[in-house]
Amino acid sequence: MHDDNDTSVVIDRGQYENSKTPWDQESWRGALLNWADRELAARGLRATGRRGVRLRPWSVLVRIPVEGADAAGRPAAVWLKASPPAGAFEAPLAAALARWVPEYVLEPLAVDADRGWFLLPDGGELFRQILDRGPADPRAWEEPLRQYATMQRALVPYAKDLEQLGVPSARTTALPQVFDRTVEFIGSVLKENTAVDPARLQAVRPRLLNWSAELADLGIEDSLDHSDLHDGQLFNPEPGRFTFFDWGDAAVSHPFCSFLVPAGDIVERYGPESLPRLRDAYLEPWTGNGRSTKELHRALALAERLGAISRAVSWGRLFPGASDETRAAGATASARWLLKLSSEEPLPTG
């Protein structure tokens, strides 16, 4: 049985020192690590060195060093992830994506779909690391955005299959209902908390109805929305190639909702003047099928605003037993995202 106090384990709880996860249960922890050891052994791999454990209210992530070196000569490692019940779909989703779009994702070494556990090989350098050491050039985002959009378009025929895997459904036409359920969740957690005004949240709904109806009428089919595609959620293993990971916040929704988070990253790093060119890079794989540039730009503007709903929903995917403090923090974050829908900044018309 593995021991959390073992010197071979390094624990990182981030800013969630008091947050409970199943890792705190010796039987669960032992089952998880023993499963990983068995799966590694079945593939001729042996764990060695100190495991790094990252605990968050929404995931347990373990870096397991293994004997040997990777293609770049670095010490080899694999990654073990365990998700809460509301995010357990990520394990079978990772396996399905490796079948459907293998060129854009990592292929899991092992998956336990029932328990929401999976093992991934190391993906190499994060895109963020490459950006940090290179010149400040927003064009670096062009190719990953094109490839991500190409992957989304390839996944359109699998939308129902994704839902059958348990990926949450936030279809374009159902976004008002998803919004309603999220407002109910926020209210049930925060109750009398005066920091969030329920009336202000409800005031958003009429424009939300109009936006989601207009977006649906533009006729772009739903697909997989990563919902949190920042520069730390993709690898750049070799020049011109990108792989996308960490699907725990994903939903089946309008694909363009995915642009919200990278747009924020891009503005923060390079300024808003870089966005038009990168919007066009993302939209390039969606051209054709009789859609005008104006229609695509309008759809992206609508979806970029509505993407706040998927971001809000994801904060409810916590491990059971999360403290009141943790749940309140999640509900508050959800409310902040929904309030972005009340922005008075006009949407571009084309």
Protein backbone atom coordinates (compact mmCIF):
# COMPACT_ATOMS: atom_id res chain seq x y z
CA MET A 1 0.00 0.00 0.00
CA HIS A 2 1.26 3.46 -0.91
CA ASP A 3 1.61 6.03 1.87
CA ASP A 4 0.96 9.76 1.47
CA ASN A 5 3.69 10.41 4.04
CA ASP A 6 6.25 8.48 1.99
CA THR A 7 9.27 10.62 1.08
CA SER A 8 8.87 9.38 -2.50
CA VAL A 9 5.75 11.57 -2.83
CA VAL A 10 5.77 15.37 -3.18
CA ILE A 11 2.36 16.99 -2.58
CA ASP A 12 1.25 20.26 -4.18
CA ARG A 13 -2.10 21.58 -2.93
CA GLY A 14 -1.69 25.05 -4.41
CA GLN A 15 -4.00 27.54 -2.74
CA TYR A 16 -6.36 24.73 -1.65
CA GLU A 17 -4.59 23.59 1.51
CA ASN A 18 -7.84 22.73 3.30
CA SER A 19 -9.68 21.24 0.36
CA LYS A 20 -10.59 17.55 0.59
CA THR A 21 -9.94 15.12 -2.24
CA PRO A 22 -10.10 11.30 -2.35
CA TRP A 23 -6.30 11.32 -2.08
CA ASP A 24 -6.81 11.85 1.65
CA GLN A 25 -8.35 8.35 1.86
CA GLU A 26 -5.63 5.74 2.19
CA SER A 27 -7.68 3.01 0.50
CA TRP A 28 -8.52 5.18 -2.52
CA ARG A 29 -4.96 6.44 -2.81
CA GLY A 30 -3.56 2.94 -2.65
CA ALA A 31 -6.04 1.66 -5.24
CA LEU A 32 -5.19 4.48 -7.64
CA LEU A 33 -1.41 4.09 -7.42
CA ASN A 34 -1.50 0.30 -7.45
CA TRP A 35 -3.69 0.41 -10.57
CA ALA A 36 -1.15 2.72 -12.21
CA ASP A 37 1.75 0.44 -11.26
CA ARG A 38 -0.03 -2.60 -12.70
CA GLU A 39 -0.83 -0.81 -15.95
CA LEU A 40 2.74 0.44 -16.28
CA ALA A 41 4.14 -3.03 -15.64
CA ALA A 42 1.85 -4.48 -18.31
CA ARG A 43 3.52 -2.09 -20.76
CA GLY A 44 7.05 -2.88 -19.66
CA LEU A 45 7.42 0.34 -17.64
CA ARG A 46 8.61 0.67 -14.06
CA ALA A 47 8.02 3.65 -11.81
CA THR A 48 11.12 5.14 -10.23
CA GLY A 49 11.96 8.26 -8.25
CA ARG A 50 9.66 10.69 -6.50
CA ARG A 51 6.06 11.07 -7.60
CA GLY A 52 4.76 14.63 -7.82
CA VAL A 53 1.12 14.89 -6.75
CA ARG A 54 -1.01 17.93 -7.65
CA LEU A 55 -4.24 18.06 -5.64
CA ARG A 56 -7.11 20.34 -6.60
CA PRO A 57 -10.82 20.21 -5.73
CA TRP A 58 -11.50 19.10 -9.32
CA SER A 59 -8.67 16.64 -10.02
CA VAL A 60 -5.82 14.52 -8.69
CA LEU A 61 -2.82 14.61 -11.00
CA VAL A 62 0.29 12.50 -10.40
CA ARG A 63 3.56 12.73 -12.31
CA ILE A 64 5.22 9.31 -12.20
CA PRO A 65 8.87 9.11 -13.27
CA VAL A 66 9.64 5.91 -15.13
CA GLU A 67 12.92 4.28 -16.08
CA GLY A 68 14.55 5.55 -19.25
CA ALA A 69 14.45 8.82 -21.15
CA ASP A 70 12.06 10.44 -23.59
CA ALA A 71 12.80 11.30 -27.22
CA ALA A 72 14.46 14.57 -26.15
CA GLY A 73 16.76 12.79 -23.68
CA ARG A 74 14.90 14.01 -20.59
CA PRO A 75 13.97 11.69 -17.72
CA ALA A 76 10.83 9.87 -18.79
CA ALA A 77 7.53 10.26 -16.99
CA VAL A 78 3.86 9.45 -17.31
CA TRP A 79 0.86 11.31 -15.93
CA LEU A 80 -1.93 9.77 -13.90
CA LYS A 81 -5.20 11.68 -13.59
CA ALA A 82 -8.30 11.02 -11.49
CA SER A 83 -11.40 13.15 -11.92
CA PRO A 84 -14.53 13.69 -9.79
CA PRO A 85 -17.76 11.97 -10.86
CA ALA A 86 -18.94 15.06 -12.77
CA GLY A 87 -15.68 15.03 -14.74
CA ALA A 88 -15.17 11.27 -15.01
CA PHE A 89 -16.07 11.47 -18.70
CA GLU A 90 -12.54 12.75 -19.37
CA ALA A 91 -11.04 9.25 -19.15
CA PRO A 92 -13.19 7.63 -21.88
CA LEU A 93 -13.11 10.90 -23.83
CA ALA A 94 -9.30 10.80 -23.95
CA ALA A 95 -9.46 7.27 -25.35
CA ALA A 96 -12.12 8.18 -27.91
CA LEU A 97 -10.24 11.26 -29.13
CA ALA A 98 -7.15 9.12 -29.65
CA ARG A 99 -9.24 6.97 -32.01
CA TRP A 100 -11.07 9.78 -33.81
CA VAL A 101 -8.44 12.54 -34.07
CA PRO A 102 -5.13 10.88 -33.09
CA GLU A 103 -2.95 13.56 -34.67
CA TYR A 104 -4.24 16.22 -32.25
CA VAL A 105 -4.19 14.47 -28.87
CA LEU A 106 -2.14 12.16 -26.67
CA GLU A 107 -3.06 8.47 -26.72
CA PRO A 108 -3.72 7.21 -23.17
CA LEU A 109 -1.58 4.34 -21.96
CA ALA A 110 -4.48 3.01 -19.89
CA VAL A 111 -8.05 4.03 -19.04
CA ASP A 112 -10.40 3.02 -16.25
CA ALA A 113 -13.62 4.60 -17.51
CA ASP A 114 -15.72 3.44 -14.55
CA ARG A 115 -13.50 5.19 -12.02
CA GLY A 116 -12.49 8.15 -14.19
CA TRP A 117 -8.76 7.29 -14.08
CA PHE A 118 -6.30 7.37 -16.95
CA LEU A 119 -2.58 7.35 -17.70
CA LEU A 120 -1.04 9.60 -20.34
CA PRO A 121 2.47 9.72 -21.75
CA ASP A 122 4.42 12.91 -21.28
CA GLY A 123 3.51 15.38 -24.02
CA GLY A 124 6.73 17.37 -24.11
CA GLU A 125 6.96 21.13 -23.73
CA LEU A 126 3.90 23.19 -22.98
CA PHE A 127 3.05 25.86 -25.53
CA ARG A 128 3.27 28.39 -22.67
CA GLN A 129 6.91 27.50 -22.04
CA ILE A 130 7.76 28.03 -25.68
CA LEU A 131 5.95 31.38 -25.75
CA ASP A 132 7.69 32.52 -22.57
CA ARG A 133 11.18 32.05 -23.94
CA GLY A 134 10.50 33.26 -27.49
CA PRO A 135 9.93 36.72 -28.92
CA ALA A 136 6.55 38.34 -28.28
CA ASP A 137 4.90 37.38 -31.57
CA PRO A 138 1.14 36.72 -31.60
CA ARG A 139 1.52 34.83 -34.88
CA ALA A 140 2.73 31.90 -32.76
CA TRP A 141 -0.95 31.27 -31.97
CA GLU A 142 -2.05 31.02 -35.61
CA GLU A 143 -1.18 27.39 -36.28
CA PRO A 144 -2.45 25.94 -32.97
CA LEU A 145 -5.75 27.76 -33.48
CA ARG A 146 -6.05 26.42 -37.03
CA GLN A 147 -5.27 22.89 -35.88
CA TYR A 148 -7.68 23.08 -32.95
CA ALA A 149 -10.48 24.31 -35.25
CA THR A 150 -9.67 21.56 -37.76
CA MET A 151 -9.97 19.00 -34.96
CA GLN A 152 -13.30 20.46 -33.85
CA ARG A 153 -14.66 20.29 -37.37
CA ALA A 154 -13.57 16.66 -37.65
CA LEU A 155 -15.46 15.93 -34.41
CA VAL A 156 -18.81 17.38 -35.55
CA PRO A 157 -20.10 13.93 -36.67
CA TYR A 158 -19.27 12.54 -33.21
CA ALA A 159 -21.35 15.02 -31.15
CA LYS A 160 -23.88 12.39 -30.04
CA ASP A 161 -21.11 9.90 -29.34
CA LEU A 162 -19.43 12.49 -27.12
CA GLU A 163 -22.63 12.93 -25.13
CA GLN A 164 -22.94 9.15 -24.76
CA LEU A 165 -19.45 9.14 -23.23
CA GLY A 166 -20.80 11.51 -20.58
CA VAL A 167 -19.42 14.77 -21.95
CA PRO A 168 -21.89 17.41 -20.66
CA SER A 169 -24.35 18.68 -23.23
CA ALA A 170 -24.51 22.45 -23.67
CA ARG A 171 -25.98 22.54 -27.16
CA THR A 172 -26.35 25.95 -28.75
CA THR A 173 -30.15 25.78 -28.63
CA ALA A 174 -30.09 24.65 -24.97
CA LEU A 175 -27.72 27.32 -23.61
CA PRO A 176 -30.55 29.24 -21.89
CA GLN A 177 -31.50 26.09 -19.96
CA VAL A 178 -27.85 25.45 -19.06
CA PHE A 179 -27.70 29.05 -17.84
CA ASP A 180 -30.81 28.50 -15.71
CA ARG A 181 -29.39 25.38 -14.06
CA THR A 182 -26.14 27.19 -13.35
CA VAL A 183 -27.98 30.11 -11.73
CA GLU A 184 -29.85 27.58 -9.56
CA PHE A 185 -26.53 25.98 -8.57
CA ILE A 186 -25.08 29.36 -7.64
CA GLY A 187 -28.15 30.24 -5.59
CA SER A 188 -28.19 26.90 -3.77
CA VAL A 189 -24.55 27.27 -2.74
CA LEU A 190 -24.34 30.96 -1.97
CA LYS A 191 -27.88 31.39 -0.56
CA GLU A 192 -27.84 34.72 1.28
CA ASN A 193 -24.45 35.79 -0.02
CA THR A 194 -24.91 39.44 -0.96
CA ALA A 195 -21.77 39.49 -3.13
CA VAL A 196 -23.83 37.96 -5.97
CA ASP A 197 -27.09 39.66 -6.93
CA PRO A 198 -29.52 37.03 -8.33
CA ALA A 199 -31.54 39.75 -10.03
CA ARG A 200 -28.47 40.87 -11.98
CA LEU A 201 -27.90 37.32 -13.19
CA GLN A 202 -31.54 36.94 -14.25
CA ALA A 203 -31.41 40.25 -16.10
CA VAL A 204 -28.96 38.66 -18.54
CA ARG A 205 -31.45 36.03 -19.73
CA PRO A 206 -33.40 37.97 -22.39
CA ARG A 207 -30.28 38.87 -24.37
CA LEU A 208 -29.00 35.31 -23.88
CA LEU A 209 -32.16 33.98 -25.55
CA ASN A 210 -31.64 36.26 -28.52
CA TRP A 211 -27.94 35.48 -28.87
CA SER A 212 -28.32 31.69 -28.67
CA ALA A 213 -31.20 31.73 -31.18
CA GLU A 214 -29.23 33.89 -33.61
CA LEU A 215 -26.14 31.71 -33.20
CA ALA A 216 -28.14 28.54 -33.86
CA ASP A 217 -29.68 30.11 -36.98
CA LEU A 218 -26.22 30.66 -38.45
CA GLY A 219 -26.11 26.88 -38.90
CA ILE A 220 -22.71 25.85 -37.55
CA GLU A 221 -23.11 22.44 -35.95
CA ASP A 222 -22.20 21.70 -32.35
CA SER A 223 -18.94 19.93 -31.58
CA LEU A 224 -16.46 19.56 -28.71
CA ASP A 225 -15.73 22.72 -26.76
CA HIS A 226 -12.60 22.46 -24.62
CA SER A 227 -13.91 25.38 -22.51
CA ASP A 228 -10.47 26.22 -21.04
CA LEU A 229 -8.01 26.31 -23.94
CA HIS A 230 -5.27 28.50 -22.52
CA ASP A 231 -1.59 28.29 -23.41
CA GLY A 232 -0.95 25.72 -20.68
CA GLN A 233 -3.42 23.23 -22.17
CA LEU A 234 -1.54 22.27 -25.32
CA PHE A 235 1.82 20.84 -26.19
CA ASN A 236 4.13 21.75 -29.05
CA PRO A 237 6.10 18.48 -29.32
CA GLU A 238 7.71 19.36 -32.63
CA PRO A 239 7.68 22.33 -35.03
CA GLY A 240 4.27 22.80 -36.62
CA ARG A 241 2.54 20.15 -34.50
CA PHE A 242 0.28 20.74 -31.50
CA THR A 243 -1.55 18.37 -29.19
CA PHE A 244 -4.44 19.39 -26.94
CA PHE A 245 -5.18 17.98 -23.49
CA ASP A 246 -6.99 18.48 -20.18
CA TRP A 247 -10.61 18.00 -21.23
CA GLY A 248 -12.11 18.13 -17.73
CA ASP A 249 -14.06 21.33 -18.46
CA ALA A 250 -15.28 20.19 -21.88
CA ALA A 251 -18.82 20.25 -23.22
CA VAL A 252 -20.70 19.50 -26.41
CA SER A 253 -21.61 22.98 -27.52
CA HIS A 254 -21.05 25.52 -30.23
CA PRO A 255 -17.43 24.98 -31.25
CA PHE A 256 -16.69 28.71 -31.41
CA CYS A 257 -17.30 29.02 -27.65
CA SER A 258 -13.76 27.66 -27.32
CA PHE A 259 -12.30 30.94 -28.55
CA LEU A 260 -13.19 32.83 -25.34
CA VAL A 261 -10.25 31.59 -23.24
CA PRO A 262 -7.44 31.80 -25.82
CA ALA A 263 -8.71 35.25 -26.78
CA GLY A 264 -8.21 36.32 -23.16
CA ASP A 265 -4.72 34.79 -23.15
CA ILE A 266 -3.83 36.56 -26.37
CA VAL A 267 -5.07 39.96 -25.23
CA GLU A 268 -3.21 39.65 -21.94
CA ARG A 269 0.07 38.69 -23.60
CA TYR A 270 -0.01 40.75 -26.80
CA GLY A 271 -2.82 43.31 -26.57
CA PRO A 272 -6.23 43.47 -28.30
CA GLU A 273 -4.79 44.57 -31.64
CA SER A 274 -3.56 40.98 -32.25
CA LEU A 275 -7.04 39.44 -32.06
CA PRO A 276 -8.42 40.09 -35.58
CA ARG A 277 -5.62 38.17 -37.28
CA LEU A 278 -5.92 35.26 -34.84
CA ARG A 279 -9.70 35.17 -35.15
CA ASP A 280 -9.21 34.73 -38.88
CA ALA A 281 -6.70 31.91 -38.27
CA TYR A 282 -9.26 30.10 -36.09
CA LEU A 283 -12.06 30.64 -38.62
CA GLU A 284 -10.05 29.51 -41.64
CA PRO A 285 -10.96 25.79 -41.30
CA TRP A 286 -14.66 26.76 -41.02
CA THR A 287 -14.85 28.54 -44.37
CA GLY A 288 -16.88 27.01 -47.14
CA ASN A 289 -20.39 25.54 -47.02
CA GLY A 290 -21.72 28.84 -48.34
CA ARG A 291 -20.99 30.85 -45.18
CA SER A 292 -19.80 34.38 -45.67
CA THR A 293 -16.91 35.93 -43.78
CA LYS A 294 -19.41 38.28 -42.15
CA GLU A 295 -21.52 35.36 -40.90
CA LEU A 296 -18.48 33.57 -39.48
CA HIS A 297 -17.30 36.71 -37.70
CA ARG A 298 -20.77 37.25 -36.23
CA ALA A 299 -20.98 33.63 -35.09
CA LEU A 300 -17.58 33.87 -33.42
CA ALA A 301 -18.55 37.10 -31.65
CA LEU A 302 -21.76 35.54 -30.31
CA ALA A 303 -20.12 32.28 -29.26
CA GLU A 304 -17.17 34.04 -27.68
CA ARG A 305 -19.63 35.87 -25.40
CA LEU A 306 -21.76 32.75 -24.75
CA GLY A 307 -18.66 30.69 -23.94
CA ALA A 308 -18.88 32.19 -20.46
CA ILE A 309 -21.68 29.70 -19.73
CA SER A 310 -19.47 26.63 -20.18
CA ARG A 311 -16.79 28.28 -18.06
CA ALA A 312 -19.37 28.90 -15.35
CA VAL A 313 -20.70 25.33 -15.44
CA SER A 314 -17.27 23.74 -15.05
CA TRP A 315 -16.82 25.22 -11.56
CA GLY A 316 -19.45 22.80 -10.27
CA ARG A 317 -17.37 19.70 -11.15
CA LEU A 318 -15.78 19.13 -7.77
CA PHE A 319 -15.01 16.02 -5.75
CA PRO A 320 -17.80 14.99 -3.38
CA GLY A 321 -17.19 16.23 0.12
CA ALA A 322 -15.71 19.54 -0.98
CA SER A 323 -15.84 22.02 1.87
CA ASP A 324 -18.44 24.78 2.02
CA GLU A 325 -15.61 27.23 1.45
CA THR A 326 -14.48 25.45 -1.71
CA ARG A 327 -18.03 25.14 -3.06
CA ALA A 328 -18.67 28.81 -2.34
CA ALA A 329 -15.50 29.77 -4.19
CA GLY A 330 -16.62 27.67 -7.16
CA ALA A 331 -20.10 29.18 -7.17
CA THR A 332 -18.65 32.68 -6.94
CA ALA A 333 -16.37 31.97 -9.90
CA SER A 334 -19.41 30.66 -11.81
CA ALA A 335 -21.29 33.86 -11.07
CA ARG A 336 -18.38 36.00 -12.24
CA TRP A 337 -18.37 34.17 -15.57
CA LEU A 338 -22.11 34.52 -16.04
CA LEU A 339 -21.94 38.22 -15.27
CA LYS A 340 -19.63 38.62 -18.25
CA LEU A 341 -22.78 38.10 -20.33
CA SER A 342 -24.03 41.44 -19.02
CA SER A 343 -21.13 43.32 -20.61
CA GLU A 344 -22.29 46.46 -22.34
CA GLU A 345 -19.52 46.18 -24.90
CA PRO A 346 -21.33 45.82 -28.25
CA LEU A 347 -20.89 42.64 -30.22
CA PRO A 348 -19.21 43.05 -33.61
CA THR A 349 -21.67 42.84 -36.48
CA GLY A 350 -19.29 41.36 -39.03
